[in-house]
Every structure is written in C-alpha cells, then in structure tokens.
N, C-alpha and C. Protein backbone atom coordinates (compact mmCIF):
# COMPACT_ATOMS: atom_id res chain seq x y z
N UNK A 1 0.84 -1.20 0.05
CA UNK A 1 -0.01 -0.01 0.03
C UNK A 1 0.90 1.25 0.00
N UNK A 2 0.53 2.19 -0.82
CA UNK A 2 1.29 3.42 -0.89
C UNK A 2 1.08 4.22 0.40
N UNK A 3 2.09 4.99 0.82
CA UNK A 3 1.96 5.83 2.01
C UNK A 3 0.93 6.93 1.80
N UNK A 4 0.48 7.16 0.57
CA UNK A 4 -0.51 8.16 0.28
C UNK A 4 -1.87 7.73 0.63
N UNK A 5 -2.06 6.45 0.94
CA UNK A 5 -3.33 5.91 1.38
C UNK A 5 -3.22 5.41 2.83
N UNK A 6 -3.95 5.97 3.73
CA UNK A 6 -3.83 5.62 5.10
C UNK A 6 -5.27 5.34 5.71
N UNK A 7 -5.37 4.22 6.39
CA UNK A 7 -6.58 3.89 7.12
C UNK A 7 -6.37 4.33 8.52
N UNK A 8 -6.96 5.45 8.90
CA UNK A 8 -6.72 6.03 10.24
C UNK A 8 -7.09 5.05 11.34
N UNK A 9 -7.96 4.13 11.10
CA UNK A 9 -8.34 3.14 12.15
C UNK A 9 -7.14 2.28 12.56
N UNK A 10 -6.16 2.14 11.70
CA UNK A 10 -5.01 1.24 11.99
C UNK A 10 -3.92 1.92 12.70
N UNK A 11 -3.98 3.27 12.90
CA UNK A 11 -2.88 3.98 13.55
C UNK A 11 -3.24 4.57 14.94
N UNK A 12 -4.57 4.43 15.26
CA UNK A 12 -5.01 4.97 16.53
C UNK A 12 -4.27 4.33 17.68
N UNK A 13 -3.80 5.12 18.69
CA UNK A 13 -3.19 4.60 19.88
C UNK A 13 -3.48 5.54 21.03
N UNK A 14 -3.64 4.97 22.20
CA UNK A 14 -3.96 5.74 23.40
C UNK A 14 -2.85 5.48 24.49
N UNK A 15 -2.69 6.44 25.37
CA UNK A 15 -1.82 6.27 26.56
C UNK A 15 -2.48 6.96 27.67
N UNK A 16 -2.36 6.36 28.88
CA UNK A 16 -3.00 6.89 30.08
C UNK A 16 -2.36 8.24 30.53
N UNK A 17 -1.12 8.47 30.23
CA UNK A 17 -0.44 9.62 30.80
C UNK A 17 -0.64 10.91 29.98
N UNK A 18 -0.91 10.78 28.62
CA UNK A 18 -1.11 12.01 27.85
C UNK A 18 -1.77 11.70 26.49
N UNK A 19 -2.37 12.73 25.89
CA UNK A 19 -2.94 12.60 24.58
C UNK A 19 -1.89 12.14 23.59
N UNK A 20 -2.25 11.29 22.66
CA UNK A 20 -1.33 10.81 21.65
C UNK A 20 -1.57 11.48 20.33
N UNK A 21 -0.46 11.96 19.68
CA UNK A 21 -0.52 12.52 18.38
C UNK A 21 0.17 11.54 17.43
N UNK A 22 -0.55 11.12 16.44
CA UNK A 22 -0.04 10.15 15.43
C UNK A 22 0.04 10.91 14.12
N UNK A 23 1.24 11.08 13.60
CA UNK A 23 1.39 11.84 12.34
C UNK A 23 1.06 10.94 11.16
N UNK A 24 0.12 11.45 10.32
CA UNK A 24 -0.23 10.75 9.13
C UNK A 24 0.61 11.09 7.99
N UNK A 25 0.85 12.43 7.79
CA UNK A 25 1.79 12.90 6.83
C UNK A 25 2.16 14.34 7.13
N UNK A 26 3.26 14.81 6.53
CA UNK A 26 3.79 16.12 6.75
C UNK A 26 4.47 16.57 5.46
N UNK A 27 4.15 17.81 5.09
CA UNK A 27 4.84 18.39 3.91
C UNK A 27 5.29 19.77 4.37
N UNK A 28 5.94 20.50 3.46
CA UNK A 28 6.35 21.84 3.77
C UNK A 28 5.12 22.77 3.95
N UNK A 29 4.01 22.33 3.40
CA UNK A 29 2.82 23.21 3.37
C UNK A 29 1.88 22.88 4.52
N UNK A 30 1.85 21.64 5.04
CA UNK A 30 0.90 21.32 6.07
C UNK A 30 1.33 20.02 6.83
N UNK A 31 0.67 19.78 7.95
CA UNK A 31 0.77 18.47 8.58
C UNK A 31 -0.63 17.98 8.82
N UNK A 32 -0.76 16.64 8.96
CA UNK A 32 -2.04 16.00 9.23
C UNK A 32 -1.77 14.86 10.24
N UNK A 33 -2.47 14.98 11.43
CA UNK A 33 -2.28 14.06 12.50
C UNK A 33 -3.60 13.49 12.91
N UNK A 34 -3.51 12.39 13.71
CA UNK A 34 -4.71 11.90 14.43
C UNK A 34 -4.38 12.08 15.90
N UNK A 35 -5.29 12.78 16.62
CA UNK A 35 -5.14 12.96 18.05
C UNK A 35 -6.03 11.93 18.72
N UNK A 36 -5.49 11.28 19.73
CA UNK A 36 -6.20 10.25 20.50
C UNK A 36 -6.27 10.62 21.93
N UNK A 37 -7.43 10.93 22.44
CA UNK A 37 -7.60 11.43 23.82
C UNK A 37 -8.40 10.48 24.64
N UNK A 38 -7.85 10.08 25.77
CA UNK A 38 -8.56 9.31 26.78
C UNK A 38 -9.44 10.33 27.53
N UNK A 39 -10.45 9.91 28.27
CA UNK A 39 -11.25 10.79 29.07
C UNK A 39 -10.33 11.62 30.04
N UNK A 40 -10.60 12.92 30.07
CA UNK A 40 -9.84 13.85 30.89
C UNK A 40 -8.62 14.41 30.25
N UNK A 41 -8.16 13.96 29.10
CA UNK A 41 -7.03 14.48 28.42
C UNK A 41 -7.36 15.64 27.57
N UNK A 42 -6.38 16.58 27.32
CA UNK A 42 -6.64 17.80 26.59
C UNK A 42 -5.42 18.29 25.88
N UNK A 43 -5.66 19.13 24.89
CA UNK A 43 -4.64 19.93 24.30
C UNK A 43 -4.93 21.37 24.78
N UNK A 44 -4.07 21.93 25.59
CA UNK A 44 -4.36 23.27 26.16
C UNK A 44 -4.61 24.28 25.01
N UNK A 45 -5.44 25.27 25.35
CA UNK A 45 -5.74 26.35 24.40
C UNK A 45 -4.45 27.08 24.08
N UNK A 46 -4.23 27.33 22.79
CA UNK A 46 -3.00 27.93 22.33
C UNK A 46 -3.36 28.60 20.96
N UNK A 47 -2.40 29.29 20.37
CA UNK A 47 -2.61 29.90 19.08
C UNK A 47 -1.35 29.77 18.23
N UNK A 48 -1.54 29.84 16.92
CA UNK A 48 -0.45 29.81 15.96
C UNK A 48 -0.64 31.11 15.14
N UNK A 49 0.39 31.97 15.19
CA UNK A 49 0.31 33.31 14.61
C UNK A 49 0.08 33.27 13.09
N UNK A 50 0.67 32.27 12.42
CA UNK A 50 0.65 32.30 10.93
C UNK A 50 0.03 31.01 10.33
N UNK A 51 -0.82 30.34 11.06
CA UNK A 51 -1.32 29.07 10.52
C UNK A 51 -2.84 28.87 10.81
N UNK A 52 -3.49 28.16 9.93
CA UNK A 52 -4.83 27.77 10.06
C UNK A 52 -4.86 26.27 10.46
N UNK A 53 -5.70 25.95 11.46
CA UNK A 53 -5.73 24.56 11.95
C UNK A 53 -7.20 24.08 12.03
N UNK A 54 -7.40 22.76 11.84
CA UNK A 54 -8.74 22.28 12.10
C UNK A 54 -8.68 20.99 12.89
N UNK A 55 -9.81 20.73 13.62
CA UNK A 55 -10.04 19.48 14.30
C UNK A 55 -11.35 18.87 13.76
N UNK A 56 -11.28 17.66 13.26
CA UNK A 56 -12.44 16.98 12.77
C UNK A 56 -12.63 15.76 13.66
N UNK A 57 -13.81 15.66 14.28
CA UNK A 57 -14.04 14.57 15.21
C UNK A 57 -14.43 13.31 14.44
N UNK A 58 -13.66 12.27 14.65
CA UNK A 58 -13.90 10.98 13.99
C UNK A 58 -14.76 10.08 14.97
N UNK A 59 -14.31 10.06 16.25
CA UNK A 59 -15.04 9.27 17.26
C UNK A 59 -15.06 10.08 18.59
N UNK A 60 -16.12 9.80 19.39
CA UNK A 60 -16.19 10.40 20.72
C UNK A 60 -16.73 11.85 20.65
N UNK A 61 -16.58 12.50 21.78
CA UNK A 61 -17.03 13.93 21.88
C UNK A 61 -15.95 14.69 22.66
N UNK A 62 -15.70 15.94 22.23
CA UNK A 62 -14.76 16.81 22.89
C UNK A 62 -15.34 18.17 23.12
N UNK A 63 -14.82 18.90 24.07
CA UNK A 63 -15.06 20.35 24.23
C UNK A 63 -14.01 21.05 23.42
N UNK A 64 -14.45 21.77 22.43
CA UNK A 64 -13.53 22.56 21.55
C UNK A 64 -13.64 24.00 21.92
N UNK A 65 -12.51 24.61 22.13
CA UNK A 65 -12.45 26.04 22.42
C UNK A 65 -11.91 26.73 21.16
N UNK A 66 -12.56 27.78 20.79
CA UNK A 66 -12.22 28.62 19.63
C UNK A 66 -12.44 30.06 20.09
N UNK A 67 -11.34 30.78 20.28
CA UNK A 67 -11.43 32.12 20.78
C UNK A 67 -12.02 32.10 22.20
N UNK A 68 -13.08 32.82 22.43
CA UNK A 68 -13.70 32.84 23.79
C UNK A 68 -14.88 31.88 23.90
N UNK A 69 -15.13 31.12 22.85
CA UNK A 69 -16.30 30.20 22.83
C UNK A 69 -15.84 28.77 23.00
N UNK A 70 -16.54 28.04 23.79
CA UNK A 70 -16.34 26.53 24.00
C UNK A 70 -17.65 25.80 23.75
N UNK A 71 -17.54 24.80 22.87
CA UNK A 71 -18.74 23.95 22.53
C UNK A 71 -18.36 22.51 22.55
N UNK A 72 -19.37 21.63 22.82
CA UNK A 72 -19.15 20.20 22.70
C UNK A 72 -19.38 19.85 21.26
N UNK A 73 -18.47 19.08 20.68
CA UNK A 73 -18.63 18.61 19.28
C UNK A 73 -18.38 17.11 19.20
N UNK A 74 -19.07 16.49 18.25
CA UNK A 74 -18.98 15.01 18.14
C UNK A 74 -18.69 14.62 16.68
N UNK A 75 -18.85 13.27 16.40
CA UNK A 75 -18.47 12.72 15.15
C UNK A 75 -19.08 13.50 13.93
N UNK A 76 -18.25 13.75 12.95
CA UNK A 76 -18.71 14.48 11.79
C UNK A 76 -18.62 15.99 11.91
N UNK A 77 -18.27 16.51 13.08
CA UNK A 77 -18.19 17.96 13.27
C UNK A 77 -16.77 18.42 13.15
N UNK A 78 -16.61 19.64 12.67
CA UNK A 78 -15.32 20.21 12.40
C UNK A 78 -15.22 21.61 13.03
N UNK A 79 -14.08 21.88 13.62
CA UNK A 79 -13.79 23.19 14.21
C UNK A 79 -12.45 23.68 13.57
N UNK A 80 -12.43 24.92 13.11
CA UNK A 80 -11.17 25.39 12.56
C UNK A 80 -10.83 26.80 13.09
N UNK A 81 -9.56 27.08 13.23
CA UNK A 81 -9.11 28.35 13.74
C UNK A 81 -8.34 29.11 12.68
N UNK A 82 -8.56 30.41 12.68
CA UNK A 82 -7.78 31.31 11.80
C UNK A 82 -6.39 31.56 12.43
N UNK A 83 -5.45 32.03 11.65
CA UNK A 83 -4.16 32.41 12.26
C UNK A 83 -4.31 33.36 13.39
N UNK A 84 -3.66 33.07 14.50
CA UNK A 84 -3.73 33.86 15.72
C UNK A 84 -4.85 33.66 16.63
N UNK A 85 -5.81 32.82 16.23
CA UNK A 85 -7.05 32.57 17.03
C UNK A 85 -6.79 31.45 18.01
N UNK A 86 -7.02 31.71 19.31
CA UNK A 86 -6.78 30.64 20.33
C UNK A 86 -7.73 29.45 20.07
N UNK A 87 -7.17 28.26 20.30
CA UNK A 87 -7.94 27.00 20.08
C UNK A 87 -7.36 25.90 20.92
N UNK A 88 -8.20 24.92 21.24
CA UNK A 88 -7.81 23.71 22.01
C UNK A 88 -8.97 22.78 22.14
N UNK A 89 -8.65 21.54 22.62
CA UNK A 89 -9.66 20.52 22.78
C UNK A 89 -9.48 19.83 24.16
N UNK A 90 -10.59 19.33 24.66
CA UNK A 90 -10.59 18.57 25.90
C UNK A 90 -11.58 17.45 25.81
N UNK A 91 -11.17 16.29 26.21
CA UNK A 91 -12.15 15.17 26.24
C UNK A 91 -12.71 15.14 27.66
N UNK A 92 -13.92 15.74 27.81
CA UNK A 92 -14.60 15.76 29.08
C UNK A 92 -15.57 14.69 29.26
N UNK A 93 -15.60 13.72 28.27
CA UNK A 93 -16.55 12.64 28.30
C UNK A 93 -15.94 11.43 29.03
N UNK A 94 -16.66 10.33 29.08
CA UNK A 94 -16.17 9.13 29.70
C UNK A 94 -15.75 8.13 28.64
N UNK A 95 -15.68 8.56 27.38
CA UNK A 95 -15.28 7.64 26.26
C UNK A 95 -14.03 8.27 25.57
N UNK A 96 -13.33 7.41 24.86
CA UNK A 96 -12.15 7.88 24.14
C UNK A 96 -12.64 8.75 22.96
N UNK A 97 -11.72 9.65 22.54
CA UNK A 97 -12.01 10.52 21.38
C UNK A 97 -10.88 10.44 20.42
N UNK A 98 -11.24 10.47 19.10
CA UNK A 98 -10.24 10.44 17.97
C UNK A 98 -10.54 11.59 17.10
N UNK A 99 -9.54 12.40 16.83
CA UNK A 99 -9.72 13.63 15.98
C UNK A 99 -8.69 13.59 14.81
N UNK A 100 -9.15 14.03 13.68
CA UNK A 100 -8.25 14.29 12.55
C UNK A 100 -7.85 15.78 12.64
N UNK A 101 -6.62 16.06 12.64
CA UNK A 101 -6.10 17.46 12.82
C UNK A 101 -5.15 17.77 11.70
N UNK A 102 -5.29 18.92 11.10
CA UNK A 102 -4.37 19.41 10.09
C UNK A 102 -4.10 20.88 10.25
N UNK A 103 -2.93 21.33 9.92
CA UNK A 103 -2.60 22.70 10.01
C UNK A 103 -1.68 23.11 8.84
N UNK A 104 -1.88 24.31 8.36
CA UNK A 104 -1.04 24.81 7.29
C UNK A 104 -0.86 26.32 7.44
N UNK A 105 0.24 26.89 7.16
CA UNK A 105 1.44 26.18 6.79
C UNK A 105 1.98 25.41 7.97
N UNK A 106 2.83 24.44 7.69
CA UNK A 106 3.44 23.57 8.69
C UNK A 106 4.40 24.37 9.55
N UNK A 107 4.12 24.50 10.85
CA UNK A 107 5.06 25.24 11.74
C UNK A 107 6.34 24.51 12.02
N UNK A 108 6.33 23.16 11.76
CA UNK A 108 7.52 22.34 12.02
C UNK A 108 8.61 22.50 10.97
N UNK A 109 8.28 23.12 9.86
CA UNK A 109 9.20 23.28 8.71
C UNK A 109 9.60 24.75 8.67
N UNK A 110 10.82 25.04 8.85
CA UNK A 110 11.36 26.42 8.79
C UNK A 110 12.02 26.73 7.49
C-alpha cells in the first residue's frame, strides 16, 4: 500500500499519561495528525500566529475552544481556527475521542 493511502483506524493509539498525536503525513505546506484522547485528556488552548488549523471529530465527543467560545462537538463535526485565534480541545466525556487534525502552513518546517 502506498503511504498516500492511510486507514486512520489502523494507527489509533492511546496512553494513560497524555494525549497521543499520530502523524499521518507532513509536507512543507501542512501536517495532518490523528489525536487520540482518553477521558480527561486535553490539548491546552493555544494559538499559531501564521497558521490555520482544524479539528475533525472521528469518534467520541470533545469540548472545543475557539477564541472565547467553547462547545461540545462530536463525530462528523469540524472546528477550525484562523491564524492567531486561540484554540484547544478537551475530552470531558467518559469515552475515548479520536480527531483528525491538520494545520497549514506547517510550523515544524522552517
């Protein structure tokens, strides 16, 4: 199978101590990860000055913060932040959550 075809269900992994980020691919233009959150795990609210980012919920439910607003979102829902806009996610449920996350431009490439 080409690395350009990925079944996200095969890369999901969880850890009790912290949210897991599984990189699907990365280019100079963007990165795409799967975030795996156990109940109670979170990515703290933060911002990227020059990048747009999105969270797409594959499984579970999370509280997504975007600017000063926080909402619960579930499977099939997407939240995206503009450059400089604070954003973060928290799994406040009792079930695992899996998110598809992408950001561009890629801040890991200088």
